[in-house]
């Protein structure tokens, strides 16, 4: 599975084969996504910046699993809502380019409403 479309098709079949479509409402999927995102955050909890940038093998494997879970739920939600992720990303980046012009925000972490 090298692209979002093949992941989407795989997840559709995975859910259908298990009769899980009934549980995959956008609300339920969004809730599950938030849990997986929290599990990713938990890996970094209490680490200093250097430790967070240099995970050990166990932490790296756990992060990979949680990143995969987050992506899988995002793809599944998008499928259920009939959202093309690539198009949504393109549109959002265009908005971000407008909100955060490079010449105004270079080197700053301020929110767009602060400059």
N, C-alpha and C. Protein backbone atom coordinates (compact mmCIF):
# COMPACT_ATOMS: atom_id res chain seq x y z
N UNK A 1 0.85 -1.18 0.00
CA UNK A 1 0.00 0.00 0.00
C UNK A 1 0.89 1.24 0.00
N UNK A 2 1.08 1.79 -1.14
CA UNK A 2 2.00 2.91 -1.27
C UNK A 2 1.31 4.26 -1.45
N UNK A 3 -0.02 4.28 -1.58
CA UNK A 3 -0.69 5.55 -1.78
C UNK A 3 -2.01 5.55 -1.00
N UNK A 4 -2.57 6.73 -0.84
CA UNK A 4 -3.78 6.86 -0.04
C UNK A 4 -4.96 6.10 -0.62
N UNK A 5 -5.06 6.05 -1.94
CA UNK A 5 -6.17 5.34 -2.57
C UNK A 5 -6.11 3.85 -2.25
N UNK A 6 -4.95 3.25 -2.31
CA UNK A 6 -4.86 1.82 -1.99
C UNK A 6 -5.10 1.57 -0.51
N UNK A 7 -4.67 2.49 0.34
CA UNK A 7 -4.96 2.36 1.78
C UNK A 7 -6.47 2.46 2.00
N UNK A 8 -7.11 3.42 1.35
CA UNK A 8 -8.55 3.58 1.48
C UNK A 8 -9.29 2.31 1.07
N UNK A 9 -8.92 1.74 -0.06
CA UNK A 9 -9.58 0.52 -0.54
C UNK A 9 -9.34 -0.65 0.42
N UNK A 10 -8.13 -0.75 0.92
CA UNK A 10 -7.81 -1.80 1.89
C UNK A 10 -8.67 -1.65 3.14
N UNK A 11 -8.78 -0.43 3.66
CA UNK A 11 -9.56 -0.20 4.87
C UNK A 11 -11.04 -0.47 4.65
N UNK A 12 -11.56 -0.12 3.49
CA UNK A 12 -12.96 -0.44 3.18
C UNK A 12 -13.21 -1.94 3.27
N UNK A 13 -12.32 -2.71 2.64
CA UNK A 13 -12.47 -4.17 2.64
C UNK A 13 -12.27 -4.72 4.05
N UNK A 14 -11.28 -4.20 4.75
CA UNK A 14 -11.00 -4.65 6.12
C UNK A 14 -12.24 -4.48 6.99
N UNK A 15 -12.87 -3.31 6.92
CA UNK A 15 -14.07 -3.05 7.72
C UNK A 15 -15.25 -3.91 7.26
N UNK A 16 -15.42 -4.03 5.95
CA UNK A 16 -16.53 -4.81 5.42
C UNK A 16 -16.40 -6.28 5.80
N UNK A 17 -15.21 -6.84 5.68
CA UNK A 17 -14.99 -8.25 6.02
C UNK A 17 -15.31 -8.54 7.47
N UNK A 18 -15.23 -7.55 8.32
CA UNK A 18 -15.49 -7.73 9.75
C UNK A 18 -16.85 -7.19 10.17
N UNK A 19 -17.61 -6.69 9.19
CA UNK A 19 -18.91 -6.07 9.43
C UNK A 19 -18.80 -4.93 10.44
N UNK A 20 -17.79 -4.09 10.24
CA UNK A 20 -17.53 -2.98 11.14
C UNK A 20 -18.04 -1.65 10.60
N UNK A 21 -18.58 -1.61 9.37
CA UNK A 21 -19.07 -0.35 8.82
C UNK A 21 -20.07 0.31 9.77
N UNK A 22 -20.86 -0.50 10.45
CA UNK A 22 -21.87 0.02 11.36
C UNK A 22 -21.26 0.84 12.50
N UNK A 23 -20.00 0.59 12.80
CA UNK A 23 -19.33 1.31 13.88
C UNK A 23 -18.51 2.50 13.37
N UNK A 24 -18.33 2.58 12.06
CA UNK A 24 -17.42 3.57 11.48
C UNK A 24 -18.13 4.84 11.05
N UNK A 25 -18.89 5.42 11.95
CA UNK A 25 -19.47 6.73 11.68
C UNK A 25 -18.33 7.76 11.77
N UNK A 26 -18.46 8.89 11.11
CA UNK A 26 -17.41 9.90 11.24
C UNK A 26 -17.15 10.29 12.70
N UNK A 27 -18.20 10.36 13.51
CA UNK A 27 -18.03 10.70 14.93
C UNK A 27 -17.17 9.66 15.63
N UNK A 28 -17.50 8.39 15.46
CA UNK A 28 -16.74 7.33 16.12
C UNK A 28 -15.30 7.29 15.64
N UNK A 29 -15.11 7.48 14.34
CA UNK A 29 -13.76 7.46 13.79
C UNK A 29 -12.95 8.65 14.30
N UNK A 30 -13.58 9.82 14.41
CA UNK A 30 -12.88 10.99 14.93
C UNK A 30 -12.49 10.77 16.39
N UNK A 31 -13.36 10.15 17.15
CA UNK A 31 -13.03 9.86 18.55
C UNK A 31 -11.86 8.88 18.63
N UNK A 32 -11.89 7.85 17.80
CA UNK A 32 -10.80 6.87 17.78
C UNK A 32 -9.49 7.55 17.34
N UNK A 33 -9.58 8.45 16.38
CA UNK A 33 -8.41 9.18 15.93
C UNK A 33 -7.79 9.97 17.08
N UNK A 34 -8.63 10.62 17.87
CA UNK A 34 -8.09 11.41 18.98
C UNK A 34 -7.38 10.52 20.00
N UNK A 35 -7.88 9.31 20.20
CA UNK A 35 -7.22 8.37 21.11
C UNK A 35 -5.85 7.98 20.56
N UNK A 36 -5.79 7.68 19.26
CA UNK A 36 -4.52 7.29 18.65
C UNK A 36 -3.52 8.45 18.68
N UNK A 37 -4.00 9.66 18.42
CA UNK A 37 -3.11 10.83 18.50
C UNK A 37 -2.57 10.99 19.92
N UNK A 38 -3.42 10.76 20.91
CA UNK A 38 -2.98 10.85 22.30
C UNK A 38 -1.94 9.77 22.62
N UNK A 39 -2.10 8.59 22.03
CA UNK A 39 -1.12 7.53 22.25
C UNK A 39 0.23 7.90 21.63
N UNK A 40 0.21 8.62 20.52
CA UNK A 40 1.45 9.11 19.93
C UNK A 40 2.08 10.15 20.85
N UNK A 41 1.28 11.05 21.35
CA UNK A 41 1.79 12.09 22.27
C UNK A 41 2.39 11.44 23.51
N UNK A 42 1.77 10.39 23.99
CA UNK A 42 2.23 9.73 25.21
C UNK A 42 3.68 9.24 25.10
N UNK A 43 4.08 8.85 23.90
CA UNK A 43 5.46 8.38 23.69
C UNK A 43 6.45 9.49 24.06
N UNK A 44 6.09 10.74 23.78
CA UNK A 44 6.98 11.87 24.00
C UNK A 44 6.82 12.54 25.37
N UNK A 45 5.79 12.11 26.10
CA UNK A 45 5.53 12.72 27.40
C UNK A 45 6.75 12.55 28.29
N UNK A 46 7.16 13.62 28.90
CA UNK A 46 8.26 13.69 29.86
C UNK A 46 9.65 13.59 29.22
N UNK A 47 9.73 13.48 27.90
CA UNK A 47 11.04 13.49 27.26
C UNK A 47 11.48 14.93 27.05
N UNK A 48 12.77 15.16 27.18
CA UNK A 48 13.28 16.48 26.84
C UNK A 48 13.43 16.55 25.31
N UNK A 49 13.68 17.73 24.75
CA UNK A 49 13.76 17.84 23.29
C UNK A 49 14.80 16.91 22.66
N UNK A 50 15.94 16.75 23.30
CA UNK A 50 16.97 15.86 22.75
C UNK A 50 16.50 14.41 22.74
N UNK A 51 15.90 13.97 23.84
CA UNK A 51 15.38 12.60 23.89
C UNK A 51 14.28 12.38 22.86
N UNK A 52 13.42 13.37 22.70
CA UNK A 52 12.31 13.26 21.75
C UNK A 52 12.81 13.16 20.31
N UNK A 53 13.96 13.77 20.04
CA UNK A 53 14.53 13.72 18.69
C UNK A 53 15.35 12.47 18.45
N UNK A 54 15.62 11.71 19.51
CA UNK A 54 16.47 10.52 19.41
C UNK A 54 15.83 9.35 20.15
N UNK A 55 14.70 8.90 19.65
CA UNK A 55 13.98 7.80 20.31
C UNK A 55 14.80 6.52 20.25
N UNK A 56 14.65 5.70 21.30
CA UNK A 56 15.29 4.39 21.25
C UNK A 56 14.46 3.47 20.34
N UNK A 57 14.95 2.28 20.11
CA UNK A 57 14.29 1.37 19.15
C UNK A 57 12.85 1.05 19.55
N UNK A 58 12.61 0.83 20.83
CA UNK A 58 11.27 0.52 21.30
C UNK A 58 10.33 1.71 21.10
N UNK A 59 10.80 2.90 21.44
CA UNK A 59 10.00 4.11 21.26
C UNK A 59 9.76 4.38 19.78
N UNK A 60 10.76 4.17 18.95
CA UNK A 60 10.64 4.38 17.51
C UNK A 60 9.58 3.46 16.92
N UNK A 61 9.59 2.19 17.33
CA UNK A 61 8.59 1.23 16.84
C UNK A 61 7.19 1.62 17.31
N UNK A 62 7.08 2.06 18.54
CA UNK A 62 5.78 2.50 19.07
C UNK A 62 5.29 3.72 18.31
N UNK A 63 6.17 4.67 18.04
CA UNK A 63 5.80 5.87 17.29
C UNK A 63 5.33 5.49 15.88
N UNK A 64 6.03 4.56 15.25
CA UNK A 64 5.62 4.11 13.91
C UNK A 64 4.22 3.52 13.93
N UNK A 65 3.94 2.70 14.94
CA UNK A 65 2.60 2.11 15.06
C UNK A 65 1.53 3.18 15.24
N UNK A 66 1.79 4.13 16.10
CA UNK A 66 0.78 5.17 16.37
C UNK A 66 0.61 6.11 15.19
N UNK A 67 1.69 6.42 14.50
CA UNK A 67 1.58 7.24 13.29
C UNK A 67 0.73 6.52 12.25
N UNK A 68 0.95 5.22 12.11
CA UNK A 68 0.14 4.43 11.18
C UNK A 68 -1.32 4.46 11.59
N UNK A 69 -1.59 4.27 12.88
CA UNK A 69 -2.98 4.30 13.35
C UNK A 69 -3.64 5.64 13.05
N UNK A 70 -2.93 6.74 13.29
CA UNK A 70 -3.48 8.06 13.03
C UNK A 70 -3.81 8.19 11.54
N UNK A 71 -2.89 7.80 10.68
CA UNK A 71 -3.12 7.90 9.25
C UNK A 71 -4.30 7.02 8.82
N UNK A 72 -4.37 5.81 9.35
CA UNK A 72 -5.47 4.91 8.97
C UNK A 72 -6.83 5.51 9.34
N UNK A 73 -6.93 6.06 10.53
CA UNK A 73 -8.21 6.68 10.91
C UNK A 73 -8.50 7.92 10.07
N UNK A 74 -7.50 8.71 9.75
CA UNK A 74 -7.72 9.87 8.88
C UNK A 74 -8.24 9.45 7.51
N UNK A 75 -7.62 8.43 6.95
CA UNK A 75 -8.06 7.95 5.64
C UNK A 75 -9.48 7.41 5.71
N UNK A 76 -9.79 6.69 6.76
CA UNK A 76 -11.13 6.12 6.91
C UNK A 76 -12.19 7.22 7.09
N UNK A 77 -11.89 8.23 7.89
CA UNK A 77 -12.83 9.34 8.07
C UNK A 77 -13.05 10.06 6.74
N UNK A 78 -11.97 10.34 6.05
CA UNK A 78 -12.08 11.03 4.77
C UNK A 78 -12.93 10.22 3.80
N UNK A 79 -12.74 8.92 3.80
CA UNK A 79 -13.54 8.06 2.92
C UNK A 79 -15.02 8.14 3.29
N UNK A 80 -15.31 8.05 4.57
CA UNK A 80 -16.71 8.11 5.01
C UNK A 80 -17.36 9.45 4.71
N UNK A 81 -16.56 10.52 4.68
CA UNK A 81 -17.08 11.85 4.40
C UNK A 81 -16.91 12.26 2.93
N UNK A 82 -16.39 11.35 2.13
CA UNK A 82 -16.16 11.58 0.70
C UNK A 82 -15.28 12.82 0.48
N UNK A 83 -14.18 12.86 1.23
CA UNK A 83 -13.20 13.94 1.12
C UNK A 83 -11.95 13.39 0.46
N UNK A 84 -11.49 14.06 -0.58
CA UNK A 84 -10.25 13.71 -1.25
C UNK A 84 -9.12 14.35 -0.45
N UNK A 85 -8.33 13.54 0.23
CA UNK A 85 -7.30 14.05 1.12
C UNK A 85 -6.28 14.90 0.37
N UNK A 86 -5.82 14.44 -0.78
CA UNK A 86 -4.82 15.19 -1.54
C UNK A 86 -5.35 16.58 -1.91
N UNK A 87 -6.59 16.63 -2.34
CA UNK A 87 -7.19 17.92 -2.69
C UNK A 87 -7.33 18.79 -1.45
N UNK A 88 -7.79 18.21 -0.35
CA UNK A 88 -7.95 18.96 0.90
C UNK A 88 -6.61 19.52 1.37
N UNK A 89 -5.55 18.74 1.26
CA UNK A 89 -4.22 19.20 1.66
C UNK A 89 -3.77 20.36 0.77
N UNK A 90 -3.97 20.23 -0.52
CA UNK A 90 -3.59 21.30 -1.44
C UNK A 90 -4.32 22.59 -1.11
N UNK A 91 -5.63 22.49 -0.88
CA UNK A 91 -6.43 23.68 -0.55
C UNK A 91 -5.96 24.29 0.77
N UNK A 92 -5.70 23.46 1.75
CA UNK A 92 -5.28 23.96 3.06
C UNK A 92 -3.91 24.63 2.98
N UNK A 93 -2.99 24.07 2.21
CA UNK A 93 -1.67 24.68 2.08
C UNK A 93 -1.76 26.03 1.38
N UNK A 94 -2.67 26.16 0.43
CA UNK A 94 -2.88 27.47 -0.21
C UNK A 94 -3.34 28.50 0.82
N UNK A 95 -4.26 28.08 1.69
CA UNK A 95 -4.72 28.97 2.76
C UNK A 95 -3.57 29.34 3.69
N UNK A 96 -2.75 28.33 4.05
CA UNK A 96 -1.62 28.58 4.94
C UNK A 96 -0.61 29.52 4.32
N UNK A 97 -0.39 29.40 3.01
CA UNK A 97 0.53 30.32 2.33
C UNK A 97 0.04 31.76 2.44
N UNK A 98 -1.27 31.94 2.40
CA UNK A 98 -1.84 33.29 2.53
C UNK A 98 -1.73 33.79 3.98
N UNK A 99 -2.00 32.90 4.93
CA UNK A 99 -1.98 33.29 6.34
C UNK A 99 -0.55 33.50 6.85
N UNK A 100 0.38 32.77 6.29
CA UNK A 100 1.76 32.79 6.77
C UNK A 100 2.74 33.10 5.64
N UNK A 101 2.75 34.33 5.13
CA UNK A 101 3.71 34.68 4.07
C UNK A 101 5.14 34.53 4.60
N UNK A 102 5.97 33.86 3.85
CA UNK A 102 7.34 33.57 4.29
C UNK A 102 8.09 34.82 4.72
N UNK A 103 7.96 35.92 3.98
CA UNK A 103 8.71 37.12 4.32
C UNK A 103 8.26 37.75 5.63
N UNK A 104 7.04 37.44 6.09
CA UNK A 104 6.56 38.00 7.36
C UNK A 104 6.82 37.08 8.56
N UNK A 105 6.85 35.80 8.33
CA UNK A 105 6.89 34.87 9.47
C UNK A 105 8.19 34.09 9.61
N UNK A 106 9.10 34.29 8.69
CA UNK A 106 10.36 33.53 8.71
C UNK A 106 11.01 33.61 10.09
N UNK A 107 11.25 32.45 10.68
CA UNK A 107 11.91 32.36 11.98
C UNK A 107 11.02 32.66 13.17
N UNK A 108 9.73 32.82 12.96
CA UNK A 108 8.81 33.14 14.05
C UNK A 108 7.77 32.04 14.22
N UNK A 109 7.43 31.75 15.45
CA UNK A 109 6.39 30.77 15.74
C UNK A 109 5.06 31.42 16.09
N UNK A 110 4.94 32.72 15.84
CA UNK A 110 3.70 33.41 16.17
C UNK A 110 2.56 32.95 15.27
N UNK A 111 1.37 32.98 15.84
CA UNK A 111 0.16 32.67 15.07
C UNK A 111 -0.13 33.82 14.12
N UNK A 112 -0.80 33.51 13.02
CA UNK A 112 -1.08 34.52 11.98
C UNK A 112 -1.78 35.75 12.53
N UNK A 113 -2.54 35.62 13.60
CA UNK A 113 -3.27 36.76 14.17
C UNK A 113 -2.37 37.64 15.03
N UNK A 114 -1.11 37.26 15.22
CA UNK A 114 -0.19 37.99 16.10
C UNK A 114 0.80 38.88 15.35
N UNK A 115 0.72 38.93 14.05
CA UNK A 115 1.66 39.79 13.32
C UNK A 115 0.94 40.71 12.36
